[in-house]
Amino acid sequence: MNFPFGSGMLRPGMRAVWMLAAAVAATPAWAATEVPVWHTLKGHNAEAFQDLIKAYNRSQSDIKVVARAFDTPEALDQALSAAAKSKELPALAQIGDSHTLEDISQRSYVQPFHVLQKASGLKNTRWFVSSDNAFVHDAKGQLMAFPYMLEIPVMYYNQDAFKKAGLVPPQPQRTWMDLQGQLVTMANNGSRKCPLTSDLPVSINLENLAAVNNQLYASADNGLKAKGLPSFSFDSTYVRHLALMVTWVRSEIMVRPDVGMHSAERFAKGECAVMMSSSGHIGEFSDQRKLNYAVSGLPYYPEVTRKPGNPFVSGAGLWVMKTSKPVTDATAAFLGWLSQPEQAARWYQQTGFLPLTQAAFDATPASYYAKLGQWRDLVAVYSGKAALTAQGFRINNYPAIRTRFQQILDSALSGQQPAVTALNTASAEANKLVRQR
């Protein structure tokens, strides 16, 4: 019997058969396992990550990775706490180490990455950053998180600004006093509004002032010793340095450090001659067609050390959450794909985060470094054994300590208190916070 399809005259039983057939046709044979990933990446780096996720999702049909971006680490952390209560955790979450690794690893909903690594195809992966580096590694050198957003502080410089000022070669000096002379020259020859800027005042002026000058940042081997609480004691090197920075702000050869994206935006637009910030801006800056920039290491004091040391690794990792076995297996597959040389090299080259694997570093051609100054040499050292002063630090309550350091530095750079007073206050308050639980 023929039924006129346009008339809507199907009998009830036949209508049900047609509806069921349509539903089956519209449903895949099996649903892909979803892998939610929460992150706080911004701008260029967020786009690079999303591009990789899209490429992975296109490469197979069994797993679907879904990214969710948060404005701040604090917002992501609050969402994680809520998700843990509702049992709706993501598979992966970007969390900064904050130099208090145990605070993260002891959360009931977190799974150490090395556990997943040993049970998956990732077990033979040769990671780039050496295992003696305390950042996202535990005391045994085991990775607690997938080391995907690791970075170091560097000195960016606008080569056109140096050329305009007549500085030859057009690159910054590595000692603080020699750099001062260059900044004065540039301020008088085209860079008056912004000879130098930074968005990492605590990292540049306290943490890595120690590491780059081959000094310990805190006692008890920067808190890495099993016994004894670390403490701070900012000596004459710190006093001299902060006093110098105060004069730089007063004489307008340095814009007072600005925490946030404003400094990076100014440098990207070509407004600032020099910027001290994290290496994670490299991809963003390389995207700026009119920005002729390169990368150098942070300055040091030759009176303190003959040769500059290496700054601390910072940034964040992708932490694995405790979810169902299918999601955990799918997560391992996704991380394994990200670890492949092609994807890992692409991520390193597009972002400025440290290489994920040795293969990613080895796969990066010399042409990539051609216009990036010292970048290759600055990166290469992190695959080898780190000096004690550069291995990182582990300090209880450090997020609160860093916040207080930021406030005190800002007060000194604003001229509200002398450098020696500010640093005495900083060490005294930090030593109290270390002992708080």
Protein backbone atom coordinates (compact mmCIF):
# COMPACT_ATOMS: atom_id res chain seq x y z
CA MET A 1 0.00 0.00 0.00
CA ASN A 2 1.34 3.41 -0.92
CA PHE A 3 1.14 6.32 1.55
CA PRO A 4 1.22 9.93 0.43
CA PHE A 5 4.28 11.22 2.41
CA GLY A 6 3.17 14.84 2.12
CA SER A 7 -0.30 14.18 3.48
CA GLY A 8 0.69 13.25 7.01
CA MET A 9 -1.69 10.24 6.88
CA LEU A 10 0.65 7.53 8.35
CA ARG A 11 -1.08 5.13 10.71
CA PRO A 12 0.03 5.36 14.39
CA GLY A 13 2.02 2.09 14.29
CA MET A 14 3.82 2.99 11.08
CA ARG A 15 4.53 6.48 12.39
CA ALA A 16 6.33 4.97 15.41
CA VAL A 17 8.44 2.75 13.14
CA TRP A 18 9.47 5.73 11.02
CA MET A 19 10.36 7.81 14.11
CA LEU A 20 12.50 4.96 15.50
CA ALA A 21 14.27 4.49 12.18
CA ALA A 22 15.05 8.21 11.99
CA ALA A 23 16.44 8.22 15.52
CA VAL A 24 18.71 5.25 14.82
CA ALA A 25 19.96 6.88 11.62
CA ALA A 26 20.81 10.11 13.47
CA THR A 27 22.70 8.34 16.31
CA PRO A 28 26.30 7.12 15.84
CA ALA A 29 27.07 3.47 16.52
CA TRP A 30 28.78 4.53 19.76
CA ALA A 31 29.29 7.87 21.46
CA ALA A 32 32.79 9.30 21.73
CA THR A 33 34.31 9.46 25.21
CA GLU A 34 34.44 13.10 26.27
CA VAL A 35 37.61 14.53 27.82
CA PRO A 36 36.89 17.94 29.44
CA VAL A 37 39.99 20.15 29.82
CA TRP A 38 39.90 23.31 31.95
CA HIS A 39 42.55 25.97 31.42
CA THR A 40 43.41 29.64 31.96
CA LEU A 41 45.37 30.26 28.75
CA LYS A 42 44.83 33.64 27.12
CA GLY A 43 44.91 35.07 23.62
CA HIS A 44 47.46 33.55 21.27
CA ASN A 45 48.29 30.56 23.49
CA ALA A 46 44.62 29.72 24.03
CA GLU A 47 44.10 29.70 20.26
CA ALA A 48 47.16 27.49 19.74
CA PHE A 49 45.81 25.01 22.30
CA GLN A 50 42.35 25.03 20.73
CA ASP A 51 43.88 24.39 17.29
CA LEU A 52 45.64 21.31 18.64
CA ILE A 53 42.44 20.05 20.25
CA LYS A 54 40.57 20.46 16.97
CA ALA A 55 43.31 18.59 15.13
CA TYR A 56 43.13 15.73 17.63
CA ASN A 57 39.35 15.52 17.44
CA ARG A 58 39.55 15.37 13.65
CA SER A 59 42.21 12.65 13.75
CA GLN A 60 39.93 10.05 15.35
CA SER A 61 36.30 9.53 16.39
CA ASP A 62 36.54 7.62 19.68
CA ILE A 63 37.50 10.59 21.89
CA LYS A 64 36.24 14.16 21.97
CA VAL A 65 38.32 16.71 23.86
CA VAL A 66 36.35 19.75 25.04
CA ALA A 67 38.16 22.82 26.39
CA ARG A 68 36.74 25.30 28.88
CA ALA A 69 38.58 28.56 29.54
CA PHE A 70 38.59 30.45 32.85
CA ASP A 71 39.57 34.08 33.33
CA THR A 72 41.83 33.44 36.33
CA PRO A 73 43.47 30.52 38.15
CA GLU A 74 41.35 31.42 41.18
CA ALA A 75 38.14 31.04 39.17
CA LEU A 76 39.26 27.66 37.87
CA ASP A 77 40.22 26.53 41.37
CA GLN A 78 36.81 27.49 42.75
CA ALA A 79 35.12 25.60 39.93
CA LEU A 80 37.25 22.53 40.70
CA SER A 81 36.19 22.56 44.34
CA ALA A 82 32.55 22.74 43.32
CA ALA A 83 33.00 20.03 40.68
CA ALA A 84 34.61 17.72 43.23
CA LYS A 85 31.52 17.99 45.43
CA SER A 86 29.12 17.39 42.55
CA LYS A 87 31.35 14.64 41.09
CA GLU A 88 31.48 16.40 37.73
CA LEU A 89 35.24 16.87 37.49
CA PRO A 90 37.06 17.59 34.24
CA ALA A 91 39.63 15.10 33.02
CA LEU A 92 42.45 17.66 33.07
CA ALA A 93 42.94 21.05 34.71
CA GLN A 94 45.69 23.62 34.32
CA ILE A 95 47.07 24.40 37.78
CA GLY A 96 50.15 26.42 38.66
CA ASP A 97 52.64 24.73 40.97
CA SER A 98 52.92 27.87 43.18
CA HIS A 99 55.94 26.16 44.78
CA THR A 100 53.61 24.36 47.19
CA LEU A 101 53.29 21.09 45.29
CA GLU A 102 51.91 19.10 48.20
CA ASP A 103 48.88 21.37 48.52
CA ILE A 104 47.75 20.24 45.07
CA SER A 105 48.86 16.61 45.13
CA GLN A 106 47.06 15.96 48.42
CA ARG A 107 43.67 16.94 47.04
CA SER A 108 41.38 13.91 47.08
CA TYR A 109 40.31 14.35 43.47
CA VAL A 110 43.81 14.66 41.93
CA GLN A 111 45.74 11.74 40.44
CA PRO A 112 49.54 12.13 40.17
CA PHE A 113 50.53 12.13 36.53
CA HIS A 114 53.32 9.57 37.03
CA VAL A 115 50.67 7.01 38.02
CA LEU A 116 48.87 7.53 34.72
CA GLN A 117 52.18 7.61 32.87
CA LYS A 118 53.30 4.21 34.11
CA ALA A 119 49.98 2.61 33.14
CA SER A 120 49.86 4.03 29.62
CA GLY A 121 51.80 4.46 26.42
CA LEU A 122 53.53 7.47 27.99
CA LYS A 123 55.83 5.40 30.20
CA ASN A 124 58.85 5.59 27.88
CA THR A 125 58.49 9.28 27.02
CA ARG A 126 61.69 11.29 27.51
CA TRP A 127 60.55 14.57 29.03
CA PHE A 128 62.65 17.66 28.42
CA VAL A 129 62.98 19.37 31.82
CA SER A 130 65.23 17.24 34.02
CA SER A 131 63.72 15.35 36.94
CA ASP A 132 65.87 17.17 39.51
CA ASN A 133 63.89 20.34 38.83
CA ALA A 134 61.40 20.75 41.67
CA PHE A 135 58.72 22.32 39.51
CA VAL A 136 55.89 19.74 39.08
CA HIS A 137 58.30 17.01 40.22
CA ASP A 138 58.07 15.41 43.65
CA ALA A 139 61.07 14.63 45.87
CA LYS A 140 61.67 11.40 43.92
CA GLY A 141 61.78 13.24 40.60
CA GLN A 142 58.39 11.91 39.54
CA LEU A 143 56.10 14.12 37.47
CA MET A 144 53.04 15.17 39.40
CA ALA A 145 51.44 16.90 36.38
CA PHE A 146 51.77 16.82 32.61
CA PRO A 147 54.50 19.50 32.10
CA TYR A 148 52.73 21.41 29.36
CA MET A 149 52.88 25.10 30.31
CA LEU A 150 56.34 25.40 31.87
CA GLU A 151 58.15 28.70 31.29
CA ILE A 152 61.09 30.80 32.43
CA PRO A 153 61.54 34.57 32.84
CA VAL A 154 63.51 36.23 30.05
CA MET A 155 64.46 39.70 28.82
CA TYR A 156 62.69 40.69 25.60
CA TYR A 157 64.13 43.57 23.61
CA ASN A 158 62.95 45.62 20.66
CA GLN A 159 65.86 45.65 18.23
CA ASP A 160 64.49 48.68 16.36
CA ALA A 161 64.52 50.69 19.60
CA PHE A 162 68.19 49.80 20.17
CA LYS A 163 69.08 50.71 16.58
CA LYS A 164 67.21 54.01 16.82
CA ALA A 165 69.24 54.87 19.92
CA GLY A 166 72.46 54.06 18.06
CA LEU A 167 73.34 51.11 20.30
CA VAL A 168 75.68 48.61 18.64
CA PRO A 169 75.08 45.73 18.73
CA PRO A 170 71.31 46.27 19.08
CA GLN A 171 70.90 44.08 22.15
CA PRO A 172 70.84 44.54 25.93
CA GLN A 173 73.84 44.12 28.22
CA ARG A 174 73.58 41.26 30.71
CA THR A 175 74.74 43.21 33.77
CA TRP A 176 72.35 45.51 35.61
CA MET A 177 74.65 48.55 35.59
CA ASP A 178 75.53 48.26 31.90
CA LEU A 179 71.84 47.84 31.10
CA GLN A 180 71.18 51.04 33.02
CA GLY A 181 73.42 53.00 30.67
CA GLN A 182 71.60 51.59 27.66
CA LEU A 183 68.20 52.46 29.10
CA VAL A 184 69.30 56.06 29.65
CA THR A 185 70.50 56.24 26.05
CA MET A 186 67.22 54.85 24.74
CA ALA A 187 65.16 57.14 26.96
CA ASN A 188 66.94 60.07 25.37
CA ASN A 189 66.62 58.70 21.85
CA GLY A 190 63.10 57.54 21.12
CA SER A 191 61.97 55.39 24.07
CA ARG A 192 61.15 58.03 26.67
CA LYS A 193 57.67 56.69 27.42
CA CYS A 194 58.81 53.12 28.17
CA PRO A 195 62.50 52.18 28.17
CA LEU A 196 61.84 49.15 30.42
CA THR A 197 58.74 47.41 31.73
CA SER A 198 57.93 44.17 33.55
CA ASP A 199 54.92 42.24 34.79
CA LEU A 200 56.82 39.91 37.16
CA PRO A 201 58.18 42.10 39.97
CA VAL A 202 58.57 39.33 42.56
CA SER A 203 60.06 36.88 40.07
CA ILE A 204 62.56 39.37 38.64
CA ASN A 205 63.54 41.30 41.76
CA LEU A 206 63.47 38.61 44.45
CA GLU A 207 63.12 34.98 43.32
CA ASN A 208 65.34 35.07 40.27
CA LEU A 209 67.66 37.75 41.58
CA ALA A 210 68.88 34.84 43.69
CA ALA A 211 68.84 32.12 41.01
CA VAL A 212 70.47 34.19 38.25
CA ASN A 213 73.20 35.27 40.68
CA ASN A 214 73.73 31.64 41.75
CA GLN A 215 72.47 32.29 45.27
CA LEU A 216 69.89 30.45 47.38
CA TYR A 217 66.52 32.16 47.61
CA ALA A 218 65.68 30.69 51.03
CA SER A 219 67.44 28.56 53.63
CA ALA A 220 67.21 24.75 53.85
CA ASP A 221 68.33 24.60 50.20
CA ASN A 222 65.37 26.69 49.07
CA GLY A 223 63.04 24.54 51.16
CA LEU A 224 63.96 21.35 49.29
CA LYS A 225 65.63 19.74 52.31
CA ALA A 226 63.42 17.28 54.15
CA LYS A 227 64.28 18.70 57.57
CA GLY A 228 63.84 22.25 58.79
CA LEU A 229 61.56 25.02 57.63
CA PRO A 230 63.04 27.46 55.11
CA SER A 231 63.43 31.12 56.00
CA PHE A 232 64.19 34.35 54.15
CA SER A 233 67.05 36.76 54.78
CA PHE A 234 67.46 39.44 52.13
CA ASP A 235 71.08 40.56 52.23
CA SER A 236 72.92 43.56 50.81
CA THR A 237 72.58 42.30 47.22
CA TYR A 238 68.79 42.58 47.49
CA VAL A 239 68.99 45.98 49.21
CA ARG A 240 71.33 47.33 46.55
CA HIS A 241 69.18 45.95 43.76
CA LEU A 242 65.87 47.27 45.07
CA ALA A 243 67.42 50.68 45.74
CA LEU A 244 68.63 50.68 42.13
CA MET A 245 65.15 49.82 40.87
CA VAL A 246 63.70 52.67 42.89
CA THR A 247 66.07 55.11 41.17
CA TRP A 248 65.13 53.65 37.78
CA VAL A 249 61.45 54.33 38.43
CA ARG A 250 62.17 57.85 39.69
CA SER A 251 64.34 58.67 36.68
CA GLU A 252 61.72 57.16 34.36
CA ILE A 253 63.96 54.63 32.67
CA MET A 254 61.67 51.91 34.05
CA VAL A 255 57.89 51.90 34.18
CA ARG A 256 56.78 50.69 37.60
CA PRO A 257 56.05 46.94 37.27
CA ASP A 258 52.48 46.19 36.28
CA VAL A 259 51.05 42.79 37.17
CA GLY A 260 48.72 41.72 34.38
CA MET A 261 48.63 41.89 30.60
CA HIS A 262 49.19 45.64 30.17
CA SER A 263 53.00 45.44 29.97
CA ALA A 264 52.93 42.65 27.39
CA GLU A 265 50.42 44.57 25.30
CA ARG A 266 52.65 47.65 25.33
CA PHE A 267 55.70 45.68 24.28
CA ALA A 268 53.76 43.89 21.53
CA LYS A 269 52.74 47.28 20.12
CA GLY A 270 56.37 48.45 20.06
CA GLU A 271 55.89 51.02 22.85
CA CYS A 272 58.58 49.57 25.17
CA ALA A 273 62.24 48.92 24.40
CA VAL A 274 62.82 46.16 26.97
CA MET A 275 60.47 43.88 28.86
CA MET A 276 61.26 41.31 31.55
CA SER A 277 58.56 38.68 31.56
CA SER A 278 57.79 35.00 31.09
CA SER A 279 58.84 33.11 27.97
CA GLY A 280 55.20 32.22 27.31
CA HIS A 281 54.82 35.48 25.35
CA ILE A 282 57.15 34.38 22.54
CA GLY A 283 54.41 33.06 20.27
CA GLU A 284 52.26 36.12 20.80
CA PHE A 285 55.14 38.50 20.04
CA SER A 286 56.22 36.52 16.98
CA ASP A 287 52.71 37.03 15.59
CA GLN A 288 53.23 40.81 15.57
CA ARG A 289 54.47 41.59 12.06
CA LYS A 290 55.84 45.03 12.93
CA LEU A 291 57.64 43.89 16.10
CA ASN A 292 61.34 43.22 15.53
CA TYR A 293 62.26 41.60 18.84
CA ALA A 294 64.63 39.02 20.29
CA VAL A 295 65.26 37.29 23.63
CA SER A 296 68.09 37.48 26.15
CA GLY A 297 68.73 36.16 29.64
CA LEU A 298 67.97 38.18 32.77
CA PRO A 299 70.69 40.56 34.01
CA TYR A 300 73.08 39.64 36.83
CA TYR A 301 75.63 41.30 39.12
CA PRO A 302 79.25 40.37 38.24
CA GLU A 303 80.28 41.36 41.77
CA VAL A 304 78.15 38.46 43.04
CA THR A 305 78.78 35.80 40.39
CA ARG A 306 81.23 35.52 37.51
CA LYS A 307 78.70 33.78 35.28
CA PRO A 308 74.90 34.17 35.36
CA GLY A 309 72.90 31.20 36.58
CA ASN A 310 69.59 29.89 35.29
CA PRO A 311 66.24 31.25 36.47
CA PHE A 312 63.60 29.08 38.13
CA VAL A 313 61.05 27.21 36.05
CA SER A 314 57.50 28.45 36.64
CA GLY A 315 54.14 28.22 34.88
CA ALA A 316 51.67 25.37 35.17
CA GLY A 317 50.98 21.76 34.32
CA LEU A 318 47.89 19.83 33.29
CA TRP A 319 46.81 17.92 36.38
CA VAL A 320 44.90 14.67 35.98
CA MET A 321 41.64 14.35 37.87
CA LYS A 322 40.23 11.12 39.29
CA THR A 323 37.44 10.16 36.91
CA SER A 324 36.05 6.95 35.41
CA LYS A 325 38.37 4.42 33.75
CA PRO A 326 37.08 5.15 30.21
CA VAL A 327 37.75 8.87 30.70
CA THR A 328 41.17 8.21 32.26
CA ASP A 329 42.11 5.94 29.34
CA ALA A 330 40.90 8.57 26.86
CA THR A 331 42.89 11.24 28.74
CA ALA A 332 46.05 9.15 28.47
CA ALA A 333 45.47 8.76 24.74
CA PHE A 334 45.09 12.52 24.30
CA LEU A 335 48.21 13.31 26.33
CA GLY A 336 50.10 10.68 24.37
CA TRP A 337 49.12 12.42 21.14
CA LEU A 338 50.22 15.82 22.52
CA SER A 339 53.56 14.22 23.41
CA GLN A 340 54.30 13.05 19.88
CA PRO A 341 57.21 15.01 18.34
CA GLU A 342 55.12 16.82 15.73
CA GLN A 343 52.52 18.11 18.17
CA ALA A 344 54.99 18.80 20.99
CA ALA A 345 57.36 20.72 18.71
CA ARG A 346 54.45 22.72 17.32
CA TRP A 347 53.36 23.68 20.84
CA TYR A 348 56.89 24.73 21.87
CA GLN A 349 57.43 26.82 18.76
CA GLN A 350 54.01 28.49 18.83
CA THR A 351 53.99 29.46 22.51
CA GLY A 352 57.41 29.87 24.15
CA PHE A 353 56.61 27.31 26.85
CA LEU A 354 59.57 25.00 27.47
CA PRO A 355 59.70 21.90 25.24
CA LEU A 356 57.51 19.06 26.47
CA THR A 357 59.94 16.35 25.35
CA GLN A 358 63.53 16.04 24.20
CA ALA A 359 62.19 14.94 20.80
CA ALA A 360 60.26 18.23 20.49
CA PHE A 361 63.43 20.21 21.15
CA ASP A 362 65.46 18.09 18.73
CA ALA A 363 62.78 18.44 16.03
CA THR A 364 62.88 22.24 16.15
CA PRO A 365 64.97 23.58 13.22
CA ALA A 366 67.67 26.23 13.52
CA SER A 367 65.54 28.54 11.39
CA TYR A 368 63.05 28.85 14.26
CA TYR A 369 65.73 30.45 16.46
CA ALA A 370 67.17 32.71 13.74
CA LYS A 371 65.50 35.90 15.00
CA LEU A 372 65.11 34.97 18.66
CA GLY A 373 68.53 35.93 20.02
CA GLN A 374 69.68 33.68 22.86
CA TRP A 375 66.46 31.70 23.16
CA ARG A 376 67.86 28.31 22.13
CA ASP A 377 70.76 28.52 24.60
CA LEU A 378 68.45 29.69 27.37
CA VAL A 379 66.21 26.66 26.80
CA ALA A 380 68.84 23.96 26.23
CA VAL A 381 70.21 24.04 29.79
CA TYR A 382 66.95 22.79 31.30
CA SER A 383 67.35 19.28 29.90
CA GLY A 384 70.51 18.79 31.95
CA LYS A 385 71.14 18.54 35.68
CA ALA A 386 70.26 21.77 37.43
CA ALA A 387 72.49 23.56 39.92
CA LEU A 388 71.13 23.54 43.47
CA THR A 389 70.33 27.25 43.26
CA ALA A 390 68.24 26.70 40.09
CA GLN A 391 66.36 23.53 41.02
CA GLY A 392 63.38 25.49 42.28
CA PHE A 393 61.99 26.00 45.74
CA ARG A 394 59.27 24.51 47.91
CA ILE A 395 57.89 26.84 50.57
CA ASN A 396 54.77 26.43 52.67
CA ASN A 397 52.09 29.10 52.19
CA TYR A 398 54.03 30.62 49.30
CA PRO A 399 51.03 32.07 47.40
CA ALA A 400 50.30 34.28 50.43
CA ILE A 401 54.00 35.11 50.77
CA ARG A 402 54.28 36.12 47.10
CA THR A 403 51.20 38.34 47.40
CA ARG A 404 52.76 40.11 50.38
CA PHE A 405 56.10 40.46 48.57
CA GLN A 406 54.26 42.06 45.66
CA GLN A 407 52.61 44.62 47.95
CA ILE A 408 55.88 45.47 49.70
CA LEU A 409 57.83 45.84 46.44
CA ASP A 410 55.14 48.12 45.05
CA SER A 411 55.35 50.24 48.18
CA ALA A 412 59.13 50.60 47.83
CA LEU A 413 59.02 51.33 44.11
CA SER A 414 56.37 53.98 44.79
CA GLY A 415 58.79 55.72 47.15
CA GLN A 416 56.73 55.00 50.27
CA GLN A 417 59.57 53.26 52.16
CA PRO A 418 63.33 52.73 51.74
CA ALA A 419 64.60 49.50 50.19
CA VAL A 420 66.19 48.23 53.40
CA THR A 421 63.00 48.80 55.40
CA ALA A 422 60.86 47.12 52.75
CA LEU A 423 63.09 44.04 52.58
CA ASN A 424 63.34 43.69 56.36
CA THR A 425 59.55 43.80 56.52
CA ALA A 426 59.27 41.28 53.66
CA SER A 427 61.56 38.72 55.28
CA ALA A 428 59.99 39.09 58.74
CA GLU A 429 56.43 38.66 57.47
CA ALA A 430 57.36 35.81 55.12
CA ASN A 431 59.07 33.90 57.93
CA LYS A 432 55.88 34.10 59.97
CA LEU A 433 53.73 32.94 57.03
CA VAL A 434 56.02 29.95 56.40
CA ARG A 435 55.11 28.64 59.85
CA GLN A 436 51.38 29.05 59.42
CA ARG A 437 49.30 26.04 58.43
